[in-house]
Amino acid sequence: MQVSKDGRSWRVGTAADVEWIAGHTTAGISITTAIPPIYDAYATTHQADDVTVTACEHALVEDLITQTPDQPWWLAYLDTGAHDIVFPHAPRVSLYWNWSYVLVEAGPEQALTWRTGHMRHGHGSLPDLFFPVDRSWLVSALWDDTWTCIGGPEPLIDTIHRNPLANAHRVRPDEDALPPGLTRE
């Protein structure tokens, strides 16, 4: 199936496009609740008090672009019933605890511009989950978390960790994913 936006057609993803995630995460407080335990390195990132949402999101996406060969990205928007999912009439895929996502093949530009209003900030644009077609990394923000989880190759996580605007904190797969200074609600 295809959907239209910005004068183009975009491919809608299916369960087959996320089967490598579905059923491969573990319930709990570790990063593997959001990211399957298949990557070399992991981190969490969240907006620092002195950084705008836009600056934080752009820093993360720029780091992902510089560490990823040119290719499409899968963008997934969680259907909460109350937040922008960009394509409200598109079919859904199920992830995590049978949460419904709209999954569309696009790219970094669309990741930064399509959404209007984010459930965690009230503003911001990033999808709730996204990854390149080659699955070399995965970014996922779970519904009830105020931070974002990332899994990928060591050089990518190093790059994000060194970027002060991304405000990243390295975690091991068995560690609590909660970033320093944040509390669970």
C-alpha atoms as a PDB file:
ATOM      1  CA  MET A   1       0.000   0.000   0.000  1.00  0.00           C
ATOM      2  CA  GLN A   2       1.077   3.568  -0.674  1.00  0.00           C
ATOM      3  CA  VAL A   3       0.134   6.835   1.034  1.00  0.00           C
ATOM      4  CA  SER A   4       0.603  10.346  -0.328  1.00  0.00           C
ATOM      5  CA  LYS A   5       2.223  13.349   1.308  1.00  0.00           C
ATOM      6  CA  ASP A   6       4.346  16.239   0.076  1.00  0.00           C
ATOM      7  CA  GLY A   7       3.402  15.431  -3.541  1.00  0.00           C
ATOM      8  CA  ARG A   8       4.922  11.935  -3.329  1.00  0.00           C
ATOM      9  CA  SER A   9       3.828   8.389  -2.659  1.00  0.00           C
ATOM     10  CA  TRP A  10       5.288   6.562   0.317  1.00  0.00           C
ATOM     11  CA  ARG A  11       5.270   2.835   0.990  1.00  0.00           C
ATOM     12  CA  VAL A  12       3.397   1.677   4.081  1.00  0.00           C
ATOM     13  CA  GLY A  13       5.148  -1.013   6.081  1.00  0.00           C
ATOM     14  CA  THR A  14       3.772  -4.363   7.150  1.00  0.00           C
ATOM     15  CA  ALA A  15       4.348  -6.770  10.011  1.00  0.00           C
ATOM     16  CA  ALA A  16       7.140  -8.367   7.951  1.00  0.00           C
ATOM     17  CA  ASP A  17       9.102  -5.087   8.077  1.00  0.00           C
ATOM     18  CA  VAL A  18       9.145  -5.085  11.897  1.00  0.00           C
ATOM     19  CA  GLU A  19       9.191  -8.836  12.607  1.00  0.00           C
ATOM     20  CA  TRP A  20      12.806  -8.491  13.726  1.00  0.00           C
ATOM     21  CA  ILE A  21      11.584  -6.219  16.566  1.00  0.00           C
ATOM     22  CA  ALA A  22       8.205  -7.790  17.383  1.00  0.00           C
ATOM     23  CA  GLY A  23       8.583 -10.441  20.050  1.00  0.00           C
ATOM     24  CA  HIS A  24      12.331  -9.819  20.404  1.00  0.00           C
ATOM     25  CA  THR A  25      12.216  -7.302  23.248  1.00  0.00           C
ATOM     26  CA  THR A  26      11.824  -8.099  26.934  1.00  0.00           C
ATOM     27  CA  ALA A  27       9.422  -6.511  29.408  1.00  0.00           C
ATOM     28  CA  GLY A  28      11.113  -4.617  32.224  1.00  0.00           C
ATOM     29  CA  ILE A  29      13.205  -1.521  32.809  1.00  0.00           C
ATOM     30  CA  SER A  30      16.270  -2.318  30.686  1.00  0.00           C
ATOM     31  CA  ILE A  31      16.917  -0.905  27.245  1.00  0.00           C
ATOM     32  CA  THR A  32      15.928  -4.266  25.755  1.00  0.00           C
ATOM     33  CA  THR A  33      12.335  -3.361  26.596  1.00  0.00           C
ATOM     34  CA  ALA A  34      12.494  -1.022  23.573  1.00  0.00           C
ATOM     35  CA  ILE A  35      15.468  -2.356  21.577  1.00  0.00           C
ATOM     36  CA  PRO A  36      16.130  -6.025  20.747  1.00  0.00           C
ATOM     37  CA  PRO A  37      19.428  -7.287  22.235  1.00  0.00           C
ATOM     38  CA  ILE A  38      21.172  -7.538  18.851  1.00  0.00           C
ATOM     39  CA  TYR A  39      23.371  -4.442  18.801  1.00  0.00           C
ATOM     40  CA  ASP A  40      26.962  -3.775  19.844  1.00  0.00           C
ATOM     41  CA  ALA A  41      26.086  -0.670  21.885  1.00  0.00           C
ATOM     42  CA  TYR A  42      23.114   1.116  23.471  1.00  0.00           C
ATOM     43  CA  ALA A  43      22.244   4.553  24.813  1.00  0.00           C
ATOM     44  CA  THR A  44      19.352   6.639  26.006  1.00  0.00           C
ATOM     45  CA  THR A  45      18.861  10.253  25.062  1.00  0.00           C
ATOM     46  CA  HIS A  46      16.554  12.973  26.305  1.00  0.00           C
ATOM     47  CA  GLN A  47      16.172  16.704  26.035  1.00  0.00           C
ATOM     48  CA  ALA A  48      18.384  18.553  28.500  1.00  0.00           C
ATOM     49  CA  ASP A  49      16.821  21.494  30.334  1.00  0.00           C
ATOM     50  CA  ASP A  50      18.936  24.063  28.477  1.00  0.00           C
ATOM     51  CA  VAL A  51      18.359  22.581  24.975  1.00  0.00           C
ATOM     52  CA  THR A  52      15.259  22.962  22.825  1.00  0.00           C
ATOM     53  CA  VAL A  53      13.382  19.901  21.581  1.00  0.00           C
ATOM     54  CA  THR A  54      14.208  20.928  18.026  1.00  0.00           C
ATOM     55  CA  ALA A  55      17.950  21.183  18.739  1.00  0.00           C
ATOM     56  CA  CYS A  56      17.977  17.801  20.510  1.00  0.00           C
ATOM     57  CA  GLU A  57      16.038  16.065  17.716  1.00  0.00           C
ATOM     58  CA  HIS A  58      18.129  17.628  14.952  1.00  0.00           C
ATOM     59  CA  ALA A  59      21.374  16.676  16.723  1.00  0.00           C
ATOM     60  CA  LEU A  60      20.266  13.059  17.012  1.00  0.00           C
ATOM     61  CA  VAL A  61      19.138  12.836  13.384  1.00  0.00           C
ATOM     62  CA  GLU A  62      22.314  14.525  12.106  1.00  0.00           C
ATOM     63  CA  ASP A  63      24.432  12.009  14.023  1.00  0.00           C
ATOM     64  CA  LEU A  64      22.370   9.157  12.559  1.00  0.00           C
ATOM     65  CA  ILE A  65      22.778  10.566   9.033  1.00  0.00           C
ATOM     66  CA  THR A  66      26.564  10.891   9.349  1.00  0.00           C
ATOM     67  CA  GLN A  67      26.895   7.292  10.558  1.00  0.00           C
ATOM     68  CA  THR A  68      24.479   5.664   8.079  1.00  0.00           C
ATOM     69  CA  PRO A  69      24.948   4.923   4.362  1.00  0.00           C
ATOM     70  CA  ASP A  70      22.373   6.690   2.191  1.00  0.00           C
ATOM     71  CA  GLN A  71      19.168   4.611   2.290  1.00  0.00           C
ATOM     72  CA  PRO A  72      15.494   4.932   3.206  1.00  0.00           C
ATOM     73  CA  TRP A  73      14.391   4.919   6.834  1.00  0.00           C
ATOM     74  CA  TRP A  74      11.300   3.314   8.314  1.00  0.00           C
ATOM     75  CA  LEU A  75       9.333   5.826  10.414  1.00  0.00           C
ATOM     76  CA  ALA A  76       6.749   4.530  12.892  1.00  0.00           C
ATOM     77  CA  TYR A  77       4.155   6.612  14.714  1.00  0.00           C
ATOM     78  CA  LEU A  78       2.368   5.156  17.745  1.00  0.00           C
ATOM     79  CA  ASP A  79      -1.415   5.385  17.515  1.00  0.00           C
ATOM     80  CA  THR A  80      -2.515   6.546  20.967  1.00  0.00           C
ATOM     81  CA  GLY A  81      -5.763   7.978  19.649  1.00  0.00           C
ATOM     82  CA  ALA A  82      -4.700  11.420  20.841  1.00  0.00           C
ATOM     83  CA  HIS A  83      -1.476  12.213  18.957  1.00  0.00           C
ATOM     84  CA  ASP A  84      -0.430  12.881  15.374  1.00  0.00           C
ATOM     85  CA  ILE A  85       0.335   9.683  13.464  1.00  0.00           C
ATOM     86  CA  VAL A  86       0.799  11.540  10.147  1.00  0.00           C
ATOM     87  CA  PHE A  87      -1.265   9.025   8.124  1.00  0.00           C
ATOM     88  CA  PRO A  88      -4.434   8.380  10.157  1.00  0.00           C
ATOM     89  CA  HIS A  89      -6.016   6.087   7.550  1.00  0.00           C
ATOM     90  CA  ALA A  90      -2.965   3.906   6.895  1.00  0.00           C
ATOM     91  CA  PRO A  91      -2.874   0.281   8.078  1.00  0.00           C
ATOM     92  CA  ARG A  92      -1.080  -0.409  11.357  1.00  0.00           C
ATOM     93  CA  VAL A  93       1.590  -2.827  12.546  1.00  0.00           C
ATOM     94  CA  SER A  94       1.684  -4.192  16.087  1.00  0.00           C
ATOM     95  CA  LEU A  95       4.752  -3.912  18.349  1.00  0.00           C
ATOM     96  CA  TYR A  96       5.642  -4.287  22.005  1.00  0.00           C
ATOM     97  CA  TRP A  97       2.386  -4.871  23.938  1.00  0.00           C
ATOM     98  CA  ASN A  98       0.147  -4.937  20.833  1.00  0.00           C
ATOM     99  CA  TRP A  99       0.553  -1.188  20.395  1.00  0.00           C
ATOM    100  CA  SER A 100      -0.491  -0.009  16.930  1.00  0.00           C
ATOM    101  CA  TYR A 101       1.969   1.946  14.797  1.00  0.00           C
ATOM    102  CA  VAL A 102       1.727   3.504  11.357  1.00  0.00           C
ATOM    103  CA  LEU A 103       4.942   2.481   9.565  1.00  0.00           C
ATOM    104  CA  VAL A 104       6.071   4.370   6.458  1.00  0.00           C
ATOM    105  CA  GLU A 105       9.279   4.130   4.408  1.00  0.00           C
ATOM    106  CA  ALA A 106      10.719   7.640   4.031  1.00  0.00           C
ATOM    107  CA  GLY A 107      13.905   9.290   5.327  1.00  0.00           C
ATOM    108  CA  PRO A 108      15.566  11.642   7.799  1.00  0.00           C
ATOM    109  CA  GLU A 109      13.983  14.791   6.355  1.00  0.00           C
ATOM    110  CA  GLN A 110      10.509  13.352   6.870  1.00  0.00           C
ATOM    111  CA  ALA A 111      11.474  12.155  10.372  1.00  0.00           C
ATOM    112  CA  LEU A 112      12.137  15.777  11.281  1.00  0.00           C
ATOM    113  CA  THR A 113       9.162  17.380   9.561  1.00  0.00           C
ATOM    114  CA  TRP A 114       6.097  15.163   9.259  1.00  0.00           C
ATOM    115  CA  ARG A 115       4.765  15.079  12.802  1.00  0.00           C
ATOM    116  CA  THR A 116       3.116  18.066  14.409  1.00  0.00           C
ATOM    117  CA  GLY A 117       2.899  17.632  18.158  1.00  0.00           C
ATOM    118  CA  HIS A 118       4.599  14.859  20.050  1.00  0.00           C
ATOM    119  CA  MET A 119       3.079  12.991  22.960  1.00  0.00           C
ATOM    120  CA  ARG A 120       6.138  13.355  25.197  1.00  0.00           C
ATOM    121  CA  HIS A 121       6.770  17.061  24.670  1.00  0.00           C
ATOM    122  CA  GLY A 122       3.574  18.479  23.195  1.00  0.00           C
ATOM    123  CA  HIS A 123       5.818  19.522  20.318  1.00  0.00           C
ATOM    124  CA  GLY A 124       8.656  18.007  18.374  1.00  0.00           C
ATOM    125  CA  SER A 125       8.507  15.863  15.308  1.00  0.00           C
ATOM    126  CA  LEU A 126      10.438  12.627  15.652  1.00  0.00           C
ATOM    127  CA  PRO A 127       8.639   9.344  15.071  1.00  0.00           C
ATOM    128  CA  ASP A 128       8.172   7.081  18.073  1.00  0.00           C
ATOM    129  CA  LEU A 129      10.316   4.419  16.410  1.00  0.00           C
ATOM    130  CA  PHE A 130      12.609   4.582  13.374  1.00  0.00           C
ATOM    131  CA  PHE A 131      15.419   2.667  11.720  1.00  0.00           C
ATOM    132  CA  PRO A 132      17.199   2.462   8.353  1.00  0.00           C
ATOM    133  CA  VAL A 133      16.257  -0.239   5.867  1.00  0.00           C
ATOM    134  CA  ASP A 134      19.482  -2.138   6.662  1.00  0.00           C
ATOM    135  CA  ARG A 135      18.449  -2.238  10.382  1.00  0.00           C
ATOM    136  CA  SER A 136      21.932  -1.117  11.430  1.00  0.00           C
ATOM    137  CA  TRP A 137      20.396   0.877  14.291  1.00  0.00           C
ATOM    138  CA  LEU A 138      17.048   1.374  15.988  1.00  0.00           C
ATOM    139  CA  VAL A 139      15.631   4.400  17.797  1.00  0.00           C
ATOM    140  CA  SER A 140      12.560   3.777  19.943  1.00  0.00           C
ATOM    141  CA  ALA A 141      10.690   5.873  22.494  1.00  0.00           C
ATOM    142  CA  LEU A 142       8.102   3.885  24.404  1.00  0.00           C
ATOM    143  CA  TRP A 143       4.703   5.377  25.118  1.00  0.00           C
ATOM    144  CA  ASP A 144       5.214   6.044  28.804  1.00  0.00           C
ATOM    145  CA  ASP A 145       8.886   7.080  28.721  1.00  0.00           C
ATOM    146  CA  THR A 146      10.203  10.649  28.478  1.00  0.00           C
ATOM    147  CA  TRP A 147      13.479   9.461  26.942  1.00  0.00           C
ATOM    148  CA  THR A 148      14.502   7.685  23.757  1.00  0.00           C
ATOM    149  CA  CYS A 149      16.390   4.396  23.476  1.00  0.00           C
ATOM    150  CA  ILE A 150      18.991   3.698  20.774  1.00  0.00           C
ATOM    151  CA  GLY A 151      20.781   0.539  19.744  1.00  0.00           C
ATOM    152  CA  GLY A 152      23.438   0.360  17.053  1.00  0.00           C
ATOM    153  CA  PRO A 153      27.100  -0.055  16.198  1.00  0.00           C
ATOM    154  CA  GLU A 154      29.725   1.242  18.631  1.00  0.00           C
ATOM    155  CA  PRO A 155      30.850   4.175  16.379  1.00  0.00           C
ATOM    156  CA  LEU A 156      27.256   5.460  16.123  1.00  0.00           C
ATOM    157  CA  ILE A 157      26.655   5.298  19.862  1.00  0.00           C
ATOM    158  CA  ASP A 158      30.050   6.994  20.454  1.00  0.00           C
ATOM    159  CA  THR A 159      29.073   9.816  18.081  1.00  0.00           C
ATOM    160  CA  ILE A 160      25.712  10.367  19.762  1.00  0.00           C
ATOM    161  CA  HIS A 161      27.264  10.122  23.229  1.00  0.00           C
ATOM    162  CA  ARG A 162      29.823  12.839  22.381  1.00  0.00           C
ATOM    163  CA  ASN A 163      27.153  15.243  21.102  1.00  0.00           C
ATOM    164  CA  PRO A 164      26.089  17.483  24.010  1.00  0.00           C
ATOM    165  CA  LEU A 165      22.831  18.432  22.272  1.00  0.00           C
ATOM    166  CA  ALA A 166      21.785  14.766  22.082  1.00  0.00           C
ATOM    167  CA  ASN A 167      22.356  14.383  25.840  1.00  0.00           C
ATOM    168  CA  ALA A 168      23.004  10.641  25.524  1.00  0.00           C
ATOM    169  CA  HIS A 169      23.868   8.197  28.280  1.00  0.00           C
ATOM    170  CA  ARG A 170      25.395   4.804  27.470  1.00  0.00           C
ATOM    171  CA  VAL A 171      23.678   1.738  28.923  1.00  0.00           C
ATOM    172  CA  ARG A 172      24.338  -1.977  28.871  1.00  0.00           C
ATOM    173  CA  PRO A 173      21.532  -4.321  27.769  1.00  0.00           C
ATOM    174  CA  ASP A 174      20.927  -5.495  31.351  1.00  0.00           C
ATOM    175  CA  GLU A 175      20.963  -1.988  32.918  1.00  0.00           C
ATOM    176  CA  ASP A 176      18.040   0.220  33.833  1.00  0.00           C
ATOM    177  CA  ALA A 177      17.455   2.479  30.807  1.00  0.00           C
ATOM    178  CA  LEU A 178      16.371   5.465  32.925  1.00  0.00           C
ATOM    179  CA  PRO A 179      18.721   8.364  32.138  1.00  0.00           C
ATOM    180  CA  PRO A 180      20.483  10.086  35.074  1.00  0.00           C
ATOM    181  CA  GLY A 181      18.418  12.867  36.616  1.00  0.00           C
ATOM    182  CA  LEU A 182      15.062  11.514  35.417  1.00  0.00           C
ATOM    183  CA  THR A 183      12.473   9.664  37.466  1.00  0.00           C
ATOM    184  CA  ARG A 184       9.778   7.214  36.489  1.00  0.00           C
ATOM    185  CA  GLU A 185       6.255   8.526  36.820  1.00  0.00           C
END
